[in-house]
Protein backbone atom coordinates (compact mmCIF):
# COMPACT_ATOMS: atom_id res chain seq x y z
CA MET A 1 0.14 0.17 -0.02
CA LYS A 2 1.52 3.43 -0.87
CA ASN A 3 2.89 5.26 2.02
CA LEU A 4 1.15 8.37 2.33
CA GLY A 5 3.26 9.60 5.28
CA ASN A 6 6.35 9.38 3.29
CA ASP A 7 5.03 11.11 0.46
CA LEU A 8 4.04 13.94 2.28
CA GLN A 9 7.54 14.30 3.95
CA GLN A 10 8.68 14.16 0.32
CA ARG A 11 6.64 17.17 -0.65
CA LYS A 12 7.84 19.14 2.66
CA ALA A 13 11.17 18.42 1.71
CA GLN A 14 11.02 19.89 -1.81
CA HIS A 15 9.07 22.69 -0.47
CA LEU A 16 5.87 22.03 -2.25
CA TYR A 17 3.53 21.20 0.63
CA ARG A 18 0.53 23.19 0.88
CA SER A 19 -1.11 24.69 3.80
CA ARG A 20 -4.12 26.32 4.28
CA ARG A 21 -4.46 29.79 6.23
CA ILE A 22 -7.44 30.97 8.53
CA SER A 23 -9.15 34.46 7.67
CA GLU A 24 -11.17 36.20 10.17
CA GLY A 25 -13.44 38.49 8.45
CA PRO A 26 -14.64 39.35 4.85
CA GLN A 27 -12.53 39.41 1.47
CA GLN A 28 -10.83 42.81 1.27
CA PRO A 29 -7.22 44.16 0.97
CA GLU A 30 -6.80 44.49 4.58
CA MET A 31 -7.55 40.93 6.64
CA VAL A 32 -6.56 39.04 9.33
CA ILE A 33 -4.69 35.92 8.58
CA ASP A 34 -4.07 33.46 11.05
CA GLY A 35 -4.33 35.86 13.57
CA ARG A 36 -2.09 38.72 12.03
CA PRO A 37 -3.08 41.89 10.10
CA VAL A 38 -1.87 41.65 6.26
CA ILE A 39 -2.39 43.40 3.26
CA SER A 40 -3.70 40.69 0.73
CA PHE A 41 -2.53 40.60 -3.03
CA CYS A 42 -3.60 37.24 -3.51
CA SER A 43 -7.34 37.38 -3.80
CA ASN A 44 -9.35 36.88 -7.18
CA ASP A 45 -11.84 39.45 -5.89
CA TYR A 46 -10.64 42.07 -8.77
CA LEU A 47 -13.53 44.51 -8.19
CA GLY A 48 -13.85 44.21 -4.10
CA LEU A 49 -17.39 43.01 -4.94
CA ALA A 50 -17.19 40.24 -2.46
CA ASN A 51 -17.85 42.65 0.54
CA HIS A 52 -20.02 45.28 -1.43
CA PRO A 53 -22.81 46.06 0.55
CA GLU A 54 -25.37 45.86 -2.19
CA VAL A 55 -24.17 42.19 -3.02
CA LYS A 56 -24.57 41.28 0.82
CA ALA A 57 -27.91 42.69 1.44
CA ALA A 58 -29.00 40.88 -1.87
CA PHE A 59 -27.40 37.63 -0.55
CA ILE A 60 -29.31 38.31 3.04
CA ARG A 61 -32.81 38.91 1.15
CA GLY A 62 -32.43 35.93 -0.91
CA ALA A 63 -31.47 33.70 2.14
CA GLU A 64 -34.77 35.05 3.90
CA LYS A 65 -36.68 34.36 0.62
CA TYR A 66 -35.41 31.16 -0.33
CA GLY A 67 -33.92 29.91 2.76
CA VAL A 68 -29.85 28.34 2.69
CA GLY A 69 -29.82 25.43 0.37
CA SER A 70 -31.38 24.51 -2.82
CA GLY A 71 -32.16 20.88 -1.70
CA ALA A 72 -31.68 19.36 -4.96
CA ALA A 73 -30.14 19.41 -8.24
CA HIS A 74 -31.31 21.79 -11.20
CA LEU A 75 -33.22 19.07 -12.89
CA ILE A 76 -34.99 17.86 -9.57
CA ASN A 77 -36.64 20.81 -7.85
CA GLY A 78 -33.43 22.88 -6.96
CA HIS A 79 -34.03 25.50 -9.88
CA SER A 80 -35.59 28.54 -8.51
CA ARG A 81 -36.59 31.72 -9.80
CA ALA A 82 -33.52 33.49 -8.72
CA HIS A 83 -31.12 30.88 -10.53
CA HIS A 84 -33.21 31.44 -14.00
CA ALA A 85 -33.34 35.28 -13.49
CA LEU A 86 -29.42 34.93 -13.23
CA GLU A 87 -29.26 32.81 -16.64
CA GLU A 88 -31.45 35.28 -18.22
CA GLU A 89 -29.67 38.36 -17.20
CA LEU A 90 -26.20 36.72 -17.88
CA ALA A 91 -27.37 35.72 -21.17
CA GLY A 92 -28.35 39.38 -22.04
CA TYR A 93 -25.04 40.92 -20.56
CA THR A 94 -22.95 38.74 -22.70
CA GLY A 95 -24.67 38.86 -25.83
CA TYR A 96 -25.32 34.93 -25.97
CA PRO A 97 -28.89 33.57 -26.63
CA ARG A 98 -28.74 31.22 -23.33
CA THR A 99 -26.57 30.61 -20.34
CA LEU A 100 -26.41 27.85 -18.03
CA LEU A 101 -25.31 27.97 -14.18
CA PHE A 102 -22.91 25.31 -13.07
CA SER A 103 -21.94 24.99 -9.12
CA THR A 104 -18.15 25.82 -9.92
CA GLY A 105 -15.84 26.62 -12.90
CA TYR A 106 -14.20 23.53 -12.56
CA MET A 107 -17.40 21.47 -12.85
CA ALA A 108 -18.44 23.44 -15.85
CA ASN A 109 -15.47 22.77 -17.82
CA LEU A 110 -15.45 18.68 -17.18
CA GLY A 111 -19.21 19.07 -17.78
CA VAL A 112 -18.67 20.76 -21.35
CA ALA A 113 -15.59 18.47 -22.30
CA GLN A 114 -17.31 15.21 -21.54
CA ALA A 115 -20.72 16.44 -23.11
CA LEU A 116 -19.11 17.53 -26.16
CA ALA A 117 -16.49 15.17 -27.08
CA GLY A 118 -15.80 11.45 -26.73
CA ARG A 119 -13.83 8.67 -27.92
CA GLY A 120 -12.54 9.22 -31.86
CA ASP A 121 -12.98 12.86 -31.16
CA SER A 122 -10.05 15.61 -30.56
CA VAL A 123 -9.64 18.11 -27.60
CA LEU A 124 -7.12 20.71 -28.38
CA GLU A 125 -5.67 23.16 -25.60
CA ASP A 126 -3.03 25.52 -24.92
CA ARG A 127 -0.31 24.14 -22.90
CA LEU A 128 -0.86 26.87 -20.04
CA ASN A 129 -4.72 26.10 -19.68
CA HIS A 130 -5.93 25.90 -16.48
CA ALA A 131 -6.21 22.30 -14.78
CA SER A 132 -10.06 21.99 -15.17
CA LEU A 133 -9.76 22.80 -18.86
CA LEU A 134 -7.01 19.98 -19.25
CA ASP A 135 -8.85 17.55 -16.69
CA GLY A 136 -12.09 17.87 -18.83
CA GLY A 137 -10.11 16.80 -22.07
CA LEU A 138 -8.63 14.14 -20.29
CA LEU A 139 -11.74 12.90 -18.75
CA SER A 140 -13.63 13.19 -22.19
CA GLY A 141 -12.13 10.49 -23.59
CA ALA A 142 -11.18 12.56 -26.92
CA ARG A 143 -7.74 12.43 -27.99
CA LEU A 144 -6.12 15.46 -25.99
CA MET A 145 -3.43 17.45 -27.86
CA ARG A 146 -1.65 20.58 -26.40
CA TYR A 147 -0.32 23.30 -28.63
CA ARG A 148 2.40 26.00 -27.68
CA HIS A 149 0.97 28.65 -25.70
CA ASN A 150 -0.82 31.29 -27.41
CA ASP A 151 0.19 29.90 -30.90
CA SER A 152 -2.66 29.68 -33.25
CA ASN A 153 -0.20 28.51 -35.97
CA ASP A 154 0.83 25.53 -34.15
CA LEU A 155 -2.77 25.11 -33.04
CA THR A 156 -3.45 25.17 -36.93
CA GLU A 157 -1.11 22.53 -37.53
CA LYS A 158 -2.43 20.40 -35.03
CA LEU A 159 -5.99 20.71 -36.27
CA VAL A 160 -4.92 19.83 -39.77
CA SER A 161 -3.36 16.51 -38.68
CA ARG A 162 -6.82 15.43 -37.17
CA ASN A 163 -9.19 14.20 -39.87
CA GLN A 164 -11.43 12.21 -37.94
CA GLY A 165 -14.21 12.60 -35.55
CA ASP A 166 -15.16 16.19 -34.06
CA LYS A 167 -12.74 18.84 -32.81
CA LEU A 168 -12.85 20.84 -29.90
CA VAL A 169 -10.46 23.84 -29.24
CA LEU A 170 -10.15 24.93 -25.23
CA SER A 171 -8.53 28.06 -24.18
CA ASP A 172 -8.32 30.42 -21.17
CA GLY A 173 -8.94 33.83 -21.93
CA VAL A 174 -6.82 35.11 -19.46
CA PHE A 175 -3.90 32.91 -18.27
CA SER A 176 -4.25 32.60 -14.47
CA MET A 177 -0.89 32.14 -13.32
CA ASP A 178 0.91 34.69 -16.40
CA GLY A 179 -1.70 37.07 -16.63
CA ASP A 180 -1.35 37.14 -20.63
CA ILE A 181 -4.29 37.59 -22.52
CA ALA A 182 -5.15 34.83 -25.33
CA ASP A 183 -5.18 35.71 -28.90
CA ILE A 184 -8.74 34.90 -29.54
CA ALA A 185 -9.15 36.40 -32.83
CA GLY A 186 -6.37 33.75 -34.11
CA LEU A 187 -8.00 31.00 -32.58
CA VAL A 188 -11.32 32.17 -33.83
CA SER A 189 -9.56 32.19 -37.33
CA ALA A 190 -8.14 29.00 -37.03
CA CYS A 191 -11.23 27.01 -35.47
CA ASN A 192 -13.31 28.47 -38.57
CA ASN A 193 -10.87 27.39 -41.20
CA HIS A 194 -10.39 23.88 -39.66
CA ASP A 195 -14.23 22.91 -38.65
CA ALA A 196 -13.51 23.28 -34.92
CA MET A 197 -15.50 24.34 -32.00
CA LEU A 198 -14.05 26.88 -29.96
CA MET A 199 -14.56 27.50 -26.18
CA ILE A 200 -12.99 30.39 -24.34
CA ASP A 201 -12.87 29.84 -20.33
CA ASP A 202 -12.57 33.62 -19.12
CA ALA A 203 -12.62 33.16 -15.55
CA HIS A 204 -10.12 35.97 -15.10
CA GLY A 205 -11.61 38.20 -17.77
CA PHE A 206 -15.22 38.45 -17.29
CA GLY A 207 -16.09 41.43 -15.45
CA VAL A 208 -12.90 43.48 -15.95
CA LEU A 209 -11.50 43.47 -19.48
CA GLY A 210 -13.71 45.35 -22.23
CA ARG A 211 -15.34 48.29 -22.52
CA ASN A 212 -18.40 47.37 -20.72
CA GLY A 213 -16.70 44.47 -18.66
CA ARG A 214 -17.95 41.87 -20.75
CA GLY A 215 -14.75 40.15 -20.89
CA SER A 216 -11.90 38.98 -23.00
CA LEU A 217 -13.96 38.61 -26.29
CA GLU A 218 -14.94 42.34 -26.05
CA HIS A 219 -11.29 43.19 -25.31
CA ALA A 220 -10.34 41.50 -28.61
CA GLY A 221 -13.38 42.87 -30.33
CA VAL A 222 -14.63 39.43 -31.10
CA SER A 223 -18.14 38.77 -31.36
CA PRO A 224 -19.99 35.90 -29.27
CA ALA A 225 -21.00 34.63 -32.40
CA ASP A 226 -17.35 33.74 -33.41
CA VAL A 227 -16.90 31.90 -29.86
CA PRO A 228 -19.62 29.10 -29.62
CA LEU A 229 -18.91 28.27 -26.10
CA TYR A 230 -17.97 31.06 -23.40
CA MET A 231 -17.44 30.10 -19.91
CA ALA A 232 -16.97 32.38 -16.86
CA THR A 233 -16.65 31.94 -13.18
CA LEU A 234 -19.02 34.27 -10.42
CA GLY A 235 -16.46 34.10 -7.82
CA LYS A 236 -13.56 36.04 -9.04
CA ALA A 237 -14.64 39.63 -10.49
CA LEU A 238 -18.25 39.01 -9.44
CA GLY A 239 -17.51 38.28 -5.87
CA THR A 240 -19.93 35.49 -5.04
CA ALA A 241 -19.22 31.50 -5.92
CA GLY A 242 -20.27 29.20 -9.19
CA ALA A 243 -19.97 29.60 -12.90
CA PHE A 244 -21.88 29.69 -16.03
CA VAL A 245 -21.64 28.35 -19.69
CA ALA A 246 -23.18 30.73 -22.52
CA GLY A 247 -23.87 29.51 -26.06
CA SER A 248 -26.61 28.45 -28.38
CA GLU A 249 -29.89 27.33 -27.52
CA GLU A 250 -29.16 23.84 -28.94
CA LEU A 251 -25.67 24.03 -26.84
CA ILE A 252 -27.24 24.70 -23.62
CA GLU A 253 -30.06 22.19 -24.20
CA THR A 254 -27.06 19.27 -25.05
CA LEU A 255 -25.63 20.46 -21.60
CA ILE A 256 -28.45 20.21 -19.71
CA GLN A 257 -29.19 16.63 -21.18
CA GLN A 258 -25.55 15.35 -21.13
CA ALA A 259 -23.18 17.09 -18.89
CA ARG A 260 -22.68 15.06 -15.95
CA THR A 261 -21.43 17.57 -13.46
CA TYR A 262 -24.62 19.47 -14.10
CA ILE A 263 -27.18 16.80 -13.89
CA TYR A 264 -25.68 14.93 -10.85
CA THR A 265 -25.00 17.79 -8.15
CA THR A 266 -27.18 19.81 -6.14
CA ALA A 267 -27.79 23.43 -7.21
CA SER A 268 -26.08 26.32 -5.60
CA PRO A 269 -28.04 28.16 -2.99
CA PRO A 270 -30.62 30.51 -4.26
CA ALA A 271 -29.21 33.20 -2.24
CA VAL A 272 -25.87 33.09 -4.09
CA ALA A 273 -27.83 33.67 -7.41
CA GLU A 274 -29.31 36.59 -5.76
CA ALA A 275 -26.14 37.91 -4.79
CA THR A 276 -24.68 37.59 -7.93
CA ARG A 277 -27.39 39.28 -9.80
CA ALA A 278 -26.77 42.53 -7.85
CA SER A 279 -23.15 41.89 -8.39
CA LEU A 280 -24.06 42.13 -12.05
CA ALA A 281 -25.91 45.26 -11.76
CA VAL A 282 -23.27 46.81 -9.95
CA ILE A 283 -20.72 46.09 -12.80
CA GLN A 284 -22.79 47.61 -15.37
CA SER A 285 -23.93 50.73 -13.08
CA SER A 286 -20.17 51.01 -11.80
CA PRO A 287 -17.73 51.58 -14.59
CA GLN A 288 -15.26 53.29 -12.29
CA LEU A 289 -14.61 50.16 -10.49
CA ARG A 290 -12.65 49.27 -13.82
CA GLN A 291 -11.15 52.26 -14.13
CA GLN A 292 -9.60 51.95 -10.60
CA LEU A 293 -8.53 48.63 -11.12
CA ASP A 294 -6.68 49.56 -14.56
CA ASP A 295 -5.23 52.72 -12.85
CA ASN A 296 -3.86 50.36 -10.01
CA ILE A 297 -2.58 47.97 -12.38
CA ARG A 298 -0.74 51.01 -14.30
CA TYR A 299 0.52 52.50 -11.17
CA PHE A 300 2.11 49.22 -9.71
CA ARG A 301 3.51 48.71 -12.97
CA ASN A 302 5.20 52.04 -12.97
CA CYS A 303 6.43 51.99 -9.61
CA CYS A 304 8.30 48.66 -10.23
CA ASN A 305 9.81 49.99 -13.06
CA GLN A 306 11.23 52.65 -11.30
CA THR A 307 12.38 50.55 -8.19
CA GLY A 308 13.85 47.69 -10.67
CA VAL A 309 11.48 45.17 -9.67
CA GLU A 310 10.91 43.08 -12.79
CA LEU A 311 7.61 42.07 -14.06
CA THR A 312 6.17 39.81 -16.84
CA ASP A 313 4.19 42.04 -19.82
CA SER A 314 0.98 41.13 -18.11
CA GLN A 315 -1.70 44.09 -18.43
CA THR A 316 -4.15 42.16 -16.52
CA ALA A 317 -4.79 42.28 -12.65
CA ILE A 318 -2.38 39.18 -12.40
CA GLN A 319 1.23 40.54 -11.97
CA PRO A 320 3.66 37.39 -11.65
CA VAL A 321 7.01 38.10 -10.33
CA ILE A 322 8.88 35.00 -11.34
CA ILE A 323 11.74 34.01 -9.30
CA GLY A 324 12.48 30.36 -10.51
CA GLU A 325 13.61 28.37 -7.76
CA THR A 326 10.88 26.80 -5.63
CA GLN A 327 12.81 27.17 -2.05
CA THR A 328 13.71 30.53 -2.87
CA THR A 329 9.98 31.60 -3.83
CA VAL A 330 8.48 30.26 -0.42
CA GLU A 331 11.05 32.18 1.21
CA ALA A 332 10.34 35.25 -0.01
CA SER A 333 6.62 34.58 0.45
CA GLU A 334 7.38 34.45 4.10
CA GLN A 335 9.31 37.24 4.44
CA LEU A 336 6.75 39.33 2.60
CA LEU A 337 4.38 37.88 5.21
CA ALA A 338 6.66 38.92 8.09
CA GLN A 339 6.42 42.48 6.61
CA GLY A 340 2.52 42.14 6.49
CA ILE A 341 2.02 41.21 2.76
CA LEU A 342 0.04 38.15 1.74
CA ILE A 343 1.33 36.87 -1.70
CA THR A 344 1.07 33.24 -2.35
CA ALA A 345 4.45 31.57 -3.77
CA ILE A 346 3.07 29.30 -6.81
CA ARG A 347 5.01 26.27 -7.29
CA PRO A 348 5.26 23.29 -9.52
CA PRO A 349 2.92 21.22 -10.49
CA THR A 350 0.88 24.40 -10.84
CA VAL A 351 3.54 25.89 -12.90
CA ALA A 352 6.52 24.52 -14.76
CA GLU A 353 9.80 23.76 -12.82
CA GLY A 354 12.11 26.59 -12.74
CA THR A 355 9.08 29.36 -13.09
CA ALA A 356 8.07 29.41 -9.34
CA ARG A 357 6.70 32.75 -8.66
CA LEU A 358 5.00 35.15 -6.49
CA ARG A 359 1.39 35.69 -7.81
CA ILE A 360 0.43 39.23 -7.19
CA THR A 361 -3.31 40.25 -8.09
CA LEU A 362 -4.64 43.55 -7.71
CA SER A 363 -8.07 45.23 -6.61
CA ALA A 364 -10.02 48.40 -7.67
CA VAL A 365 -10.22 48.61 -3.76
CA HIS A 366 -6.18 48.67 -3.01
CA SER A 367 -5.13 52.02 -2.30
CA ARG A 368 -2.32 53.75 -3.16
CA SER A 369 -0.77 53.30 0.09
CA HIS A 370 -1.42 49.47 0.03
CA ILE A 371 0.66 49.67 -3.42
CA ASP A 372 3.36 51.66 -2.10
CA LYS A 373 3.69 49.29 0.62
CA LEU A 374 3.84 46.20 -1.58
CA VAL A 375 6.48 47.63 -3.77
CA SER A 376 8.57 48.81 -0.90
CA VAL A 377 8.98 45.45 0.59
CA LEU A 378 9.42 43.55 -2.99
CA LYS A 379 13.17 44.92 -2.90
CA ILE A 380 13.68 41.28 -0.89
CA ILE A 381 13.08 39.40 -4.36
CA PRO A 382 16.62 37.88 -5.64
CA PRO A 383 17.92 39.96 -8.50
CA SER A 384 17.62 38.68 -11.89
CA ASP A 385 21.21 37.41 -12.04
CA ALA A 386 20.50 35.20 -9.18
CA ARG A 387 17.47 33.29 -10.55
């Protein structure tokens, strides 16, 4: 039998052991984590909506009206008026005919791949896709092929090599560990030219990219008609929980009938749907939140440039500082924490060997003083010639 204790000790020796921290209170820049006050730069709550008063009030009203739990799967009796209204409002906002709620983004990606691809088909994915997309491709039973990161030419070559079965192309809209944005126009062209269906996972773009916050498609100037499948999560920019898939009437009905992660799980609480409806309304009525996030991104990058802190070329809220060696990255994270700054050390297998990093995420509700303190303590990061 596998010796679990030895395996855990080995992970600790390799500086790959992961531990949970306990937070006191809501998600916001200034938090109490494991009993100590910190400024957090590792949340995906990009617009500060997880603790927004209108969103919290909607959640409370939803709990008072619908209770705490949904009680059953959507296809039994767990699909409430709140869920249905949210699906309709998300469809209107994204420009797709219909949307379908899933309990998590992970479940949405598994469900889509399993429902739409199988033995004899091909699933083609960017090498830096999120784990849920990669796992979805593996579990579908289709032939999984990974193309070079953000390289639509390599994708095209692989599409040409596959002549049998259906072809499903999956890509992040914003890559979660690097913060760069997919070449969506290139993906659309490759898929249109080679009879493949394209899905964009816009977990880190929805709500923050584009003039109206509609995500990476709007940012790229691409129409929903060019991307048959669109998925986004609700627990990041919208500050709540869950995910949705957007597409045609036929696509959504197919997922309702065939996506196992939709059929065989309890629906999320209706109160979460009510809170998300409020979040969606705030995003549409408060463009200044996106502007403040963009301002914070520019301010942070300018400060780092002036102080010699090396960044990647990401223009999104995800600003990784790549250190390289795992132990050094963990030690840097611990030193930052000692200075009151919480940033997670991202290590293999989440990222490739030799690319361990501090994954900094910025929010619209970070103040200039928060960012100034962050930049001042980033001087503990080893210089590039030591990486």
